[in-house]
PDB file of all heavy atoms in Angstrom:
ATOM      1  N   ALA A   1     -42.473  -4.352  89.926  1.00  0.00           N
ATOM      2  CA  ALA A   1     -42.408  -5.035  88.718  1.00  0.00           C
ATOM      3  C   ALA A   1     -43.103  -6.420  89.124  1.00  0.00           C
ATOM      4  O   ALA A   1     -43.979  -6.942  88.215  1.00  0.00           O
ATOM      5  CB  ALA A   1     -40.975  -5.262  88.284  1.00  0.00           C
ATOM      6  N   GLU A   2     -42.890  -7.043  90.145  1.00  0.00           N
ATOM      7  CA  GLU A   2     -43.342  -8.394  90.495  1.00  0.00           C
ATOM      8  C   GLU A   2     -45.040  -8.192  90.492  1.00  0.00           C
ATOM      9  O   GLU A   2     -45.733  -8.957  90.068  1.00  0.00           O
ATOM     10  CB  GLU A   2     -42.879  -8.818  91.758  1.00  0.00           C
ATOM     11  CG  GLU A   2     -41.440  -9.424  91.626  1.00  0.00           C
ATOM     12  CD  GLU A   2     -41.077 -10.154  92.963  1.00  0.00           C
ATOM     13  OE1 GLU A   2     -41.560  -9.764  93.899  1.00  0.00           O
ATOM     14  OE2 GLU A   2     -40.261 -11.030  92.835  1.00  0.00           O
ATOM     15  N   ALA A   3     -45.365  -7.117  91.123  1.00  0.00           N
ATOM     16  CA  ALA A   3     -46.844  -6.744  91.237  1.00  0.00           C
ATOM     17  C   ALA A   3     -47.537  -6.652  89.976  1.00  0.00           C
ATOM     18  O   ALA A   3     -48.593  -6.895  89.723  1.00  0.00           O
ATOM     19  CB  ALA A   3     -47.067  -5.543  92.260  1.00  0.00           C
ATOM     20  N   LEU A   4     -46.734  -6.041  88.988  1.00  0.00           N
ATOM     21  CA  LEU A   4     -47.311  -5.926  87.518  1.00  0.00           C
ATOM     22  C   LEU A   4     -47.109  -7.281  86.662  1.00  0.00           C
ATOM     23  O   LEU A   4     -47.419  -7.228  85.529  1.00  0.00           O
ATOM     24  CB  LEU A   4     -46.426  -4.795  86.967  1.00  0.00           C
ATOM     25  CG  LEU A   4     -46.863  -3.435  87.529  1.00  0.00           C
ATOM     26  CD1 LEU A   4     -45.817  -2.339  87.028  1.00  0.00           C
ATOM     27  CD2 LEU A   4     -48.324  -2.981  87.162  1.00  0.00           C
ATOM     28  N   GLY A   5     -46.529  -8.247  87.392  1.00  0.00           N
ATOM     29  CA  GLY A   5     -46.349  -9.471  86.552  1.00  0.00           C
ATOM     30  C   GLY A   5     -45.111  -9.455  85.585  1.00  0.00           C
ATOM     31  O   GLY A   5     -45.076 -10.186  84.531  1.00  0.00           O
ATOM     32  N   ILE A   6     -44.134  -8.589  85.833  1.00  0.00           N
ATOM     33  CA  ILE A   6     -43.012  -8.400  84.955  1.00  0.00           C
ATOM     34  C   ILE A   6     -41.762  -9.163  85.538  1.00  0.00           C
ATOM     35  O   ILE A   6     -41.520  -9.209  86.806  1.00  0.00           O
ATOM     36  CB  ILE A   6     -42.615  -6.870  84.939  1.00  0.00           C
ATOM     37  CG1 ILE A   6     -43.770  -6.156  84.219  1.00  0.00           C
ATOM     38  CG2 ILE A   6     -41.254  -6.802  84.132  1.00  0.00           C
ATOM     39  CD1 ILE A   6     -43.587  -4.671  84.327  1.00  0.00           C
ATOM     40  N   ALA A   7     -41.146  -9.982  84.731  1.00  0.00           N
ATOM     41  CA  ALA A   7     -39.973 -10.709  85.146  1.00  0.00           C
ATOM     42  C   ALA A   7     -38.803  -9.716  85.679  1.00  0.00           C
ATOM     43  O   ALA A   7     -38.595  -8.638  85.111  1.00  0.00           O
ATOM     44  CB  ALA A   7     -39.377 -11.382  84.026  1.00  0.00           C
ATOM     45  N   VAL A   8     -38.229  -9.987  86.866  1.00  0.00           N
ATOM     46  CA  VAL A   8     -37.174  -9.087  87.407  1.00  0.00           C
ATOM     47  C   VAL A   8     -35.731  -9.847  87.273  1.00  0.00           C
ATOM     48  O   VAL A   8     -35.734 -10.968  87.638  1.00  0.00           O
ATOM     49  CB  VAL A   8     -37.612  -8.931  88.889  1.00  0.00           C
ATOM     50  CG1 VAL A   8     -36.478  -7.974  89.575  1.00  0.00           C
ATOM     51  CG2 VAL A   8     -38.931  -8.210  89.010  1.00  0.00           C
ATOM     52  N   ARG A   9     -34.933  -9.062  86.881  1.00  0.00           N
ATOM     53  CA  ARG A   9     -33.557  -9.530  86.992  1.00  0.00           C
ATOM     54  C   ARG A   9     -32.672  -8.656  87.863  1.00  0.00           C
ATOM     55  O   ARG A   9     -32.784  -7.370  87.779  1.00  0.00           O
ATOM     56  CB  ARG A   9     -32.868  -9.507  85.504  1.00  0.00           C
ATOM     57  CG  ARG A   9     -33.707 -10.402  84.447  1.00  0.00           C
ATOM     58  CD  ARG A   9     -33.057 -10.408  83.118  1.00  0.00           C
ATOM     59  NE  ARG A   9     -33.716 -11.338  82.220  1.00  0.00           N
ATOM     60  CZ  ARG A   9     -33.423 -11.611  80.999  1.00  0.00           C
ATOM     61  NH1 ARG A   9     -32.369 -10.980  80.469  1.00  0.00           N
ATOM     62  NH2 ARG A   9     -34.155 -12.408  80.265  1.00  0.00           N
ATOM     63  N   THR A  10     -31.876  -9.161  88.610  1.00  0.00           N
ATOM     64  CA  THR A  10     -31.037  -8.311  89.547  1.00  0.00           C
ATOM     65  C   THR A  10     -29.578  -8.647  89.578  1.00  0.00           C
ATOM     66  O   THR A  10     -29.002  -9.074  90.557  1.00  0.00           O
ATOM     67  CB  THR A  10     -31.524  -8.502  90.978  1.00  0.00           C
ATOM     68  OG1 THR A  10     -31.453 -10.033  91.332  1.00  0.00           O
ATOM     69  CG2 THR A  10     -32.955  -8.193  91.197  1.00  0.00           C
ATOM     70  N   PRO A  11     -28.824  -8.584  88.422  1.00  0.00           N
ATOM     71  CA  PRO A  11     -27.471  -8.941  88.316  1.00  0.00           C
ATOM     72  C   PRO A  11     -26.629  -7.807  89.085  1.00  0.00           C
ATOM     73  O   PRO A  11     -27.039  -6.715  89.235  1.00  0.00           O
ATOM     74  CB  PRO A  11     -27.161  -8.707  86.858  1.00  0.00           C
ATOM     75  CG  PRO A  11     -28.231  -7.765  86.383  1.00  0.00           C
ATOM     76  CD  PRO A  11     -29.388  -8.079  87.165  1.00  0.00           C
ATOM     77  N   ALA A  12     -25.505  -8.260  89.725  1.00  0.00           N
ATOM     78  CA  ALA A  12     -24.698  -7.422  90.452  1.00  0.00           C
ATOM     79  C   ALA A  12     -23.783  -6.561  89.561  1.00  0.00           C
ATOM     80  O   ALA A  12     -23.303  -5.569  89.951  1.00  0.00           O
ATOM     81  CB  ALA A  12     -23.779  -8.232  91.420  1.00  0.00           C
ATOM     82  N   SER A  13     -23.652  -7.030  88.303  1.00  0.00           N
ATOM     83  CA  SER A  13     -22.956  -6.282  87.322  1.00  0.00           C
ATOM     84  C   SER A  13     -23.469  -6.652  85.931  1.00  0.00           C
ATOM     85  O   SER A  13     -24.000  -7.784  85.709  1.00  0.00           O
ATOM     86  CB  SER A  13     -21.476  -6.699  87.420  1.00  0.00           C
ATOM     87  OG  SER A  13     -20.724  -6.212  86.365  1.00  0.00           O
ATOM     88  N   LEU A  14     -23.094  -5.712  85.029  1.00  0.00           N
ATOM     89  CA  LEU A  14     -23.565  -6.000  83.532  1.00  0.00           C
ATOM     90  C   LEU A  14     -22.265  -6.081  82.797  1.00  0.00           C
ATOM     91  O   LEU A  14     -22.462  -6.081  81.482  1.00  0.00           O
ATOM     92  CB  LEU A  14     -24.455  -4.823  83.142  1.00  0.00           C
ATOM     93  CG  LEU A  14     -25.896  -4.781  83.712  1.00  0.00           C
ATOM     94  CD1 LEU A  14     -26.555  -3.512  83.272  1.00  0.00           C
ATOM     95  CD2 LEU A  14     -26.670  -6.019  83.307  1.00  0.00           C
ATOM     96  N   LYS A  15     -21.085  -6.287  83.351  1.00  0.00           N
ATOM     97  CA  LYS A  15     -19.930  -6.241  82.636  1.00  0.00           C
ATOM     98  C   LYS A  15     -19.660  -7.679  81.927  1.00  0.00           C
ATOM     99  O   LYS A  15     -18.820  -7.749  81.034  1.00  0.00           O
ATOM    100  CB  LYS A  15     -18.754  -5.929  83.421  1.00  0.00           C
ATOM    101  CG  LYS A  15     -18.816  -4.444  84.101  1.00  0.00           C
ATOM    102  CD  LYS A  15     -17.609  -4.185  84.967  1.00  0.00           C
ATOM    103  CE  LYS A  15     -17.700  -2.829  85.520  1.00  0.00           C
ATOM    104  NZ  LYS A  15     -16.567  -2.510  86.337  1.00  0.00           N
ATOM    105  N   GLY A  16     -20.208  -8.700  82.416  1.00  0.00           N
ATOM    106  CA  GLY A  16     -20.004 -10.012  81.921  1.00  0.00           C
ATOM    107  C   GLY A  16     -20.648 -10.283  80.525  1.00  0.00           C
ATOM    108  O   GLY A  16     -21.816  -9.766  80.449  1.00  0.00           O
ATOM    109  N   ALA A  17     -20.030 -11.169  79.741  1.00  0.00           N
ATOM    110  CA  ALA A  17     -20.512 -11.537  78.451  1.00  0.00           C
ATOM    111  C   ALA A  17     -21.911 -12.269  78.562  1.00  0.00           C
ATOM    112  O   ALA A  17     -22.761 -11.961  77.655  1.00  0.00           O
ATOM    113  CB  ALA A  17     -19.631 -12.251  77.683  1.00  0.00           C
ATOM    114  N   GLU A  18     -22.060 -12.977  79.592  1.00  0.00           N
ATOM    115  CA  GLU A  18     -23.276 -13.777  79.700  1.00  0.00           C
ATOM    116  C   GLU A  18     -24.484 -12.865  80.032  1.00  0.00           C
ATOM    117  O   GLU A  18     -25.523 -13.124  79.449  1.00  0.00           O
ATOM    118  CB  GLU A  18     -23.231 -14.832  80.865  1.00  0.00           C
ATOM    119  CG  GLU A  18     -24.376 -15.654  81.056  1.00  0.00           C
ATOM    120  CD  GLU A  18     -24.149 -16.716  82.115  1.00  0.00           C
ATOM    121  OE1 GLU A  18     -22.902 -17.049  82.565  1.00  0.00           O
ATOM    122  OE2 GLU A  18     -25.127 -17.500  82.593  1.00  0.00           O
ATOM    123  N   GLU A  19     -24.373 -11.925  80.862  1.00  0.00           N
ATOM    124  CA  GLU A  19     -25.435 -10.975  81.175  1.00  0.00           C
ATOM    125  C   GLU A  19     -25.772 -10.090  80.025  1.00  0.00           C
ATOM    126  O   GLU A  19     -26.805  -9.844  79.702  1.00  0.00           O
ATOM    127  CB  GLU A  19     -24.986 -10.058  82.357  1.00  0.00           C
ATOM    128  CG  GLU A  19     -25.152 -10.697  83.778  1.00  0.00           C
ATOM    129  CD  GLU A  19     -26.557 -11.110  84.164  1.00  0.00           C
ATOM    130  OE1 GLU A  19     -27.518 -10.533  83.541  1.00  0.00           O
ATOM    131  OE2 GLU A  19     -26.775 -11.927  85.146  1.00  0.00           O
ATOM    132  N   GLN A  20     -24.614  -9.653  79.281  1.00  0.00           N
ATOM    133  CA  GLN A  20     -24.955  -8.885  78.065  1.00  0.00           C
ATOM    134  C   GLN A  20     -25.651  -9.573  76.983  1.00  0.00           C
ATOM    135  O   GLN A  20     -26.642  -9.120  76.343  1.00  0.00           O
ATOM    136  CB  GLN A  20     -23.683  -8.329  77.539  1.00  0.00           C
ATOM    137  CG  GLN A  20     -22.977  -7.357  78.473  1.00  0.00           C
ATOM    138  CD  GLN A  20     -21.539  -6.971  78.016  1.00  0.00           C
ATOM    139  OE1 GLN A  20     -21.077  -7.271  77.087  1.00  0.00           O
ATOM    140  NE2 GLN A  20     -20.888  -6.275  78.967  1.00  0.00           N
ATOM    141  N   ALA A  21     -25.360 -10.966  76.890  1.00  0.00           N
ATOM    142  CA  ALA A  21     -26.095 -11.781  75.846  1.00  0.00           C
ATOM    143  C   ALA A  21     -27.473 -12.045  76.176  1.00  0.00           C
ATOM    144  O   ALA A  21     -28.452 -11.949  75.457  1.00  0.00           O
ATOM    145  CB  ALA A  21     -25.251 -13.115  75.650  1.00  0.00           C
ATOM    146  N   ALA A  22     -27.666 -12.102  77.548  1.00  0.00           N
ATOM    147  CA  ALA A  22     -29.070 -12.300  78.031  1.00  0.00           C
ATOM    148  C   ALA A  22     -29.996 -11.053  77.780  1.00  0.00           C
ATOM    149  O   ALA A  22     -31.165 -11.276  77.474  1.00  0.00           O
ATOM    150  CB  ALA A  22     -29.081 -12.666  79.545  1.00  0.00           C
ATOM    151  N   MET A  23     -29.294  -9.923  77.930  1.00  0.00           N
ATOM    152  CA  MET A  23     -30.142  -8.767  77.626  1.00  0.00           C
ATOM    153  C   MET A  23     -30.377  -8.640  76.100  1.00  0.00           C
ATOM    154  O   MET A  23     -31.478  -8.270  75.742  1.00  0.00           O
ATOM    155  CB  MET A  23     -29.266  -7.573  78.157  1.00  0.00           C
ATOM    156  CG  MET A  23     -30.117  -6.207  77.996  1.00  0.00           C
ATOM    157  SD  MET A  23     -29.217  -4.761  78.868  1.00  0.00           S
ATOM    158  CE  MET A  23     -30.376  -3.439  78.318  1.00  0.00           C
ATOM    159  N   ALA A  24     -29.332  -8.894  75.288  1.00  0.00           N
ATOM    160  CA  ALA A  24     -29.625  -8.730  73.881  1.00  0.00           C
ATOM    161  C   ALA A  24     -30.600  -9.619  73.363  1.00  0.00           C
ATOM    162  O   ALA A  24     -31.387  -9.379  72.349  1.00  0.00           O
ATOM    163  CB  ALA A  24     -28.270  -8.947  73.263  1.00  0.00           C
ATOM    164  N   ALA A  25     -30.754 -10.868  74.086  1.00  0.00           N
ATOM    165  CA  ALA A  25     -31.718 -11.833  73.602  1.00  0.00           C
ATOM    166  C   ALA A  25     -33.208 -11.436  73.888  1.00  0.00           C
ATOM    167  O   ALA A  25     -33.978 -11.948  73.166  1.00  0.00           O
ATOM    168  CB  ALA A  25     -31.424 -13.160  74.403  1.00  0.00           C
ATOM    169  N   LEU A  26     -33.301 -10.376  74.586  1.00  0.00           N
ATOM    170  CA  LEU A  26     -34.698  -9.951  74.831  1.00  0.00           C
ATOM    171  C   LEU A  26     -35.354  -9.199  73.649  1.00  0.00           C
ATOM    172  O   LEU A  26     -36.429  -9.007  73.463  1.00  0.00           O
ATOM    173  CB  LEU A  26     -34.732  -9.017  76.010  1.00  0.00           C
ATOM    174  CG  LEU A  26     -34.495  -9.507  77.443  1.00  0.00           C
ATOM    175  CD1 LEU A  26     -34.398  -8.414  78.512  1.00  0.00           C
ATOM    176  CD2 LEU A  26     -35.742 -10.541  77.821  1.00  0.00           C
ATOM    177  N   ASP A  27     -34.359  -8.882  72.687  1.00  0.00           N
ATOM    178  CA  ASP A  27     -34.774  -8.334  71.384  1.00  0.00           C
ATOM    179  C   ASP A  27     -35.627  -6.965  71.615  1.00  0.00           C
ATOM    180  O   ASP A  27     -36.758  -6.890  71.136  1.00  0.00           O
ATOM    181  CB  ASP A  27     -35.445  -9.400  70.527  1.00  0.00           C
ATOM    182  CG  ASP A  27     -35.799  -8.858  69.145  1.00  0.00           C
ATOM    183  OD1 ASP A  27     -34.823  -8.013  68.585  1.00  0.00           O
ATOM    184  OD2 ASP A  27     -36.767  -9.223  68.545  1.00  0.00           O
ATOM    185  N   ALA A  28     -35.107  -5.974  72.492  1.00  0.00           N
ATOM    186  CA  ALA A  28     -36.002  -4.915  72.842  1.00  0.00           C
ATOM    187  C   ALA A  28     -35.836  -3.782  71.813  1.00  0.00           C
ATOM    188  O   ALA A  28     -34.818  -3.773  71.199  1.00  0.00           O
ATOM    189  CB  ALA A  28     -35.518  -4.422  74.123  1.00  0.00           C
ATOM    190  N   ASP A  29     -36.964  -2.975  71.643  1.00  0.00           N
ATOM    191  CA  ASP A  29     -36.854  -1.745  70.980  1.00  0.00           C
ATOM    192  C   ASP A  29     -36.037  -0.691  71.531  1.00  0.00           C
ATOM    193  O   ASP A  29     -35.231   0.082  70.954  1.00  0.00           O
ATOM    194  CB  ASP A  29     -38.299  -1.280  70.616  1.00  0.00           C
ATOM    195  CG  ASP A  29     -38.968  -2.145  69.666  1.00  0.00           C
ATOM    196  OD1 ASP A  29     -38.542  -2.719  68.767  1.00  0.00           O
ATOM    197  OD2 ASP A  29     -40.244  -2.437  70.092  1.00  0.00           O
ATOM    198  N   VAL A  30     -36.142  -0.614  72.774  1.00  0.00           N
ATOM    199  CA  VAL A  30     -35.588   0.400  73.693  1.00  0.00           C
ATOM    200  C   VAL A  30     -35.396   0.017  75.105  1.00  0.00           C
ATOM    201  O   VAL A  30     -36.172  -0.769  75.524  1.00  0.00           O
ATOM    202  CB  VAL A  30     -36.225   1.786  73.557  1.00  0.00           C
ATOM    203  CG1 VAL A  30     -37.600   1.693  74.225  1.00  0.00           C
ATOM    204  CG2 VAL A  30     -35.525   3.010  74.077  1.00  0.00           C
ATOM    205  N   ALA A  31     -34.372   0.495  75.806  1.00  0.00           N
ATOM    206  CA  ALA A  31     -34.324   0.504  77.275  1.00  0.00           C
ATOM    207  C   ALA A  31     -34.560   1.800  77.901  1.00  0.00           C
ATOM    208  O   ALA A  31     -34.041   2.849  77.417  1.00  0.00           O
ATOM    209  CB  ALA A  31     -32.937  -0.067  77.701  1.00  0.00           C
ATOM    210  N   VAL A  32     -35.370   1.808  78.900  1.00  0.00           N
ATOM    211  CA  VAL A  32     -35.738   2.962  79.753  1.00  0.00           C
ATOM    212  C   VAL A  32     -35.042   2.696  81.062  1.00  0.00           C
ATOM    213  O   VAL A  32     -35.306   1.841  81.916  1.00  0.00           O
ATOM    214  CB  VAL A  32     -37.221   3.196  79.938  1.00  0.00           C
ATOM    215  CG1 VAL A  32     -37.410   4.329  80.909  1.00  0.00           C
ATOM    216  CG2 VAL A  32     -37.844   3.400  78.545  1.00  0.00           C
ATOM    217  N   VAL A  33     -34.127   3.789  81.319  1.00  0.00           N
ATOM    218  CA  VAL A  33     -33.368   3.702  82.648  1.00  0.00           C
ATOM    219  C   VAL A  33     -33.670   4.891  83.541  1.00  0.00           C
ATOM    220  O   VAL A  33     -33.827   6.006  83.031  1.00  0.00           O
ATOM    221  CB  VAL A  33     -31.849   3.872  82.195  1.00  0.00           C
ATOM    222  CG1 VAL A  33     -30.982   3.680  83.566  1.00  0.00           C
ATOM    223  CG2 VAL A  33     -31.490   2.766  81.278  1.00  0.00           C
ATOM    224  N   ALA A  34     -34.024   4.603  84.855  1.00  0.00           N
ATOM    225  CA  ALA A  34     -34.322   5.688  85.803  1.00  0.00           C
ATOM    226  C   ALA A  34     -33.672   5.268  87.252  1.00  0.00           C
ATOM    227  O   ALA A  34     -34.141   4.380  87.855  1.00  0.00           O
ATOM    228  CB  ALA A  34     -35.922   5.809  85.954  1.00  0.00           C
ATOM    229  N   ALA A  35     -32.695   5.934  87.414  1.00  0.00           N
ATOM    230  CA  ALA A  35     -31.891   5.726  88.713  1.00  0.00           C
ATOM    231  C   ALA A  35     -31.513   4.278  88.962  1.00  0.00           C
ATOM    232  O   ALA A  35     -31.891   3.737  90.052  1.00  0.00           O
ATOM    233  CB  ALA A  35     -32.769   6.272  89.888  1.00  0.00           C
ATOM    234  N   TYR A  36     -30.995   3.664  87.915  1.00  0.00           N
ATOM    235  CA  TYR A  36     -30.635   2.203  88.097  1.00  0.00           C
ATOM    236  C   TYR A  36     -29.543   1.960  89.093  1.00  0.00           C
ATOM    237  O   TYR A  36     -29.622   1.052  89.942  1.00  0.00           O
ATOM    238  CB  TYR A  36     -30.337   1.637  86.676  1.00  0.00           C
ATOM    239  CG  TYR A  36     -29.868   0.146  86.755  1.00  0.00           C
ATOM    240  CD1 TYR A  36     -30.636  -0.839  87.546  1.00  0.00           C
ATOM    241  CD2 TYR A  36     -29.079  -0.250  85.717  1.00  0.00           C
ATOM    242  CE1 TYR A  36     -30.281  -2.102  87.407  1.00  0.00           C
ATOM    243  CE2 TYR A  36     -28.688  -1.557  85.729  1.00  0.00           C
ATOM    244  CZ  TYR A  36     -29.236  -2.437  86.512  1.00  0.00           C
ATOM    245  OH  TYR A  36     -28.825  -3.795  86.505  1.00  0.00           O
ATOM    246  N   GLY A  37     -28.535   2.679  88.937  1.00  0.00           N
ATOM    247  CA  GLY A  37     -27.403   2.619  89.937  1.00  0.00           C
ATOM    248  C   GLY A  37     -26.165   1.707  89.464  1.00  0.00           C
ATOM    249  O   GLY A  37     -25.235   1.527  90.231  1.00  0.00           O
ATOM    250  N   LEU A  38     -26.209   1.188  88.250  1.00  0.00           N
ATOM    251  CA  LEU A  38     -24.957   0.573  87.676  1.00  0.00           C
ATOM    252  C   LEU A  38     -24.639   1.174  86.459  1.00  0.00           C
ATOM    253  O   LEU A  38     -25.439   1.626  85.622  1.00  0.00           O
ATOM    254  CB  LEU A  38     -25.295  -0.932  87.368  1.00  0.00           C
ATOM    255  CG  LEU A  38     -25.555  -1.912  88.550  1.00  0.00           C
ATOM    256  CD1 LEU A  38     -25.941  -3.281  88.082  1.00  0.00           C
ATOM    257  CD2 LEU A  38     -24.372  -1.919  89.474  1.00  0.00           C
ATOM    258  N   ILE A  39     -23.314   1.268  86.124  1.00  0.00           N
ATOM    259  CA  ILE A  39     -22.824   1.652  84.893  1.00  0.00           C
ATOM    260  C   ILE A  39     -23.180   0.648  83.824  1.00  0.00           C
ATOM    261  O   ILE A  39     -23.128  -0.545  84.005  1.00  0.00           O
ATOM    262  CB  ILE A  39     -21.198   1.750  84.971  1.00  0.00           C
ATOM    263  CG1 ILE A  39     -20.816   2.771  86.073  1.00  0.00           C
ATOM    264  CG2 ILE A  39     -20.726   2.136  83.705  1.00  0.00           C
ATOM    265  CD1 ILE A  39     -21.371   4.179  85.781  1.00  0.00           C
ATOM    266  N   LEU A  40     -23.612   1.262  82.628  1.00  0.00           N
ATOM    267  CA  LEU A  40     -24.022   0.392  81.454  1.00  0.00           C
ATOM    268  C   LEU A  40     -22.828   0.371  80.414  1.00  0.00           C
ATOM    269  O   LEU A  40     -22.507   1.261  79.910  1.00  0.00           O
ATOM    270  CB  LEU A  40     -25.266   0.961  80.824  1.00  0.00           C
ATOM    271  CG  LEU A  40     -26.488   1.215  81.809  1.00  0.00           C
ATOM    272  CD1 LEU A  40     -27.780   1.531  80.840  1.00  0.00           C
ATOM    273  CD2 LEU A  40     -26.810  -0.043  82.473  1.00  0.00           C
ATOM    274  N   PRO A  41     -22.298  -0.862  80.319  1.00  0.00           N
ATOM    275  CA  PRO A  41     -21.206  -1.023  79.376  1.00  0.00           C
ATOM    276  C   PRO A  41     -21.792  -0.688  77.872  1.00  0.00           C
ATOM    277  O   PRO A  41     -22.928  -0.757  77.616  1.00  0.00           O
ATOM    278  CB  PRO A  41     -20.845  -2.418  79.425  1.00  0.00           C
ATOM    279  CG  PRO A  41     -21.352  -2.905  80.711  1.00  0.00           C
ATOM    280  CD  PRO A  41     -22.594  -2.070  80.978  1.00  0.00           C
ATOM    281  N   GLN A  42     -20.841  -0.463  76.982  1.00  0.00           N
ATOM    282  CA  GLN A  42     -21.296  -0.097  75.600  1.00  0.00           C
ATOM    283  C   GLN A  42     -22.173  -1.188  75.001  1.00  0.00           C
ATOM    284  O   GLN A  42     -23.127  -0.940  74.266  1.00  0.00           O
ATOM    285  CB  GLN A  42     -19.990   0.170  74.689  1.00  0.00           C
ATOM    286  CG  GLN A  42     -20.365   0.815  73.400  1.00  0.00           C
ATOM    287  CD  GLN A  42     -20.981   2.146  73.551  1.00  0.00           C
ATOM    288  OE1 GLN A  42     -20.534   2.905  74.266  1.00  0.00           O
ATOM    289  NE2 GLN A  42     -22.139   2.399  72.923  1.00  0.00           N
ATOM    290  N   ALA A  43     -21.866  -2.407  75.341  1.00  0.00           N
ATOM    291  CA  ALA A  43     -22.636  -3.527  74.717  1.00  0.00           C
ATOM    292  C   ALA A  43     -24.119  -3.521  75.132  1.00  0.00           C
ATOM    293  O   ALA A  43     -25.011  -3.822  74.498  1.00  0.00           O
ATOM    294  CB  ALA A  43     -22.013  -4.908  75.124  1.00  0.00           C
ATOM    295  N   VAL A  44     -24.368  -3.121  76.385  1.00  0.00           N
ATOM    296  CA  VAL A  44     -25.698  -2.957  76.942  1.00  0.00           C
ATOM    297  C   VAL A  44     -26.405  -1.705  76.234  1.00  0.00           C
ATOM    298  O   VAL A  44     -27.563  -1.729  75.903  1.00  0.00           O
ATOM    299  CB  VAL A  44     -25.619  -2.884  78.491  1.00  0.00           C
ATOM    300  CG1 VAL A  44     -27.018  -2.356  78.991  1.00  0.00           C
ATOM    301  CG2 VAL A  44     -25.185  -4.126  79.143  1.00  0.00           C
ATOM    302  N   LEU A  45     -25.550  -0.535  76.117  1.00  0.00           N
ATOM    303  CA  LEU A  45     -26.230   0.640  75.493  1.00  0.00           C
ATOM    304  C   LEU A  45     -26.648   0.253  74.146  1.00  0.00           C
ATOM    305  O   LEU A  45     -27.665   0.851  73.590  1.00  0.00           O
ATOM    306  CB  LEU A  45     -25.245   1.701  75.445  1.00  0.00           C
ATOM    307  CG  LEU A  45     -24.725   2.229  76.868  1.00  0.00           C
ATOM    308  CD1 LEU A  45     -23.635   3.391  76.744  1.00  0.00           C
ATOM    309  CD2 LEU A  45     -26.046   2.918  77.501  1.00  0.00           C
TER     310      LEU A  45
END
């Protein structure tokens, strides 16, 4: 991602309201997940 000039985020968990709000603020059409390794809470889904 860094080589492609894409911002990287490495949270240890996505359970916190702050991380969930930060993801929602990206205003994405879709998230693509491939062997991420963390459980995605409903708010993230």
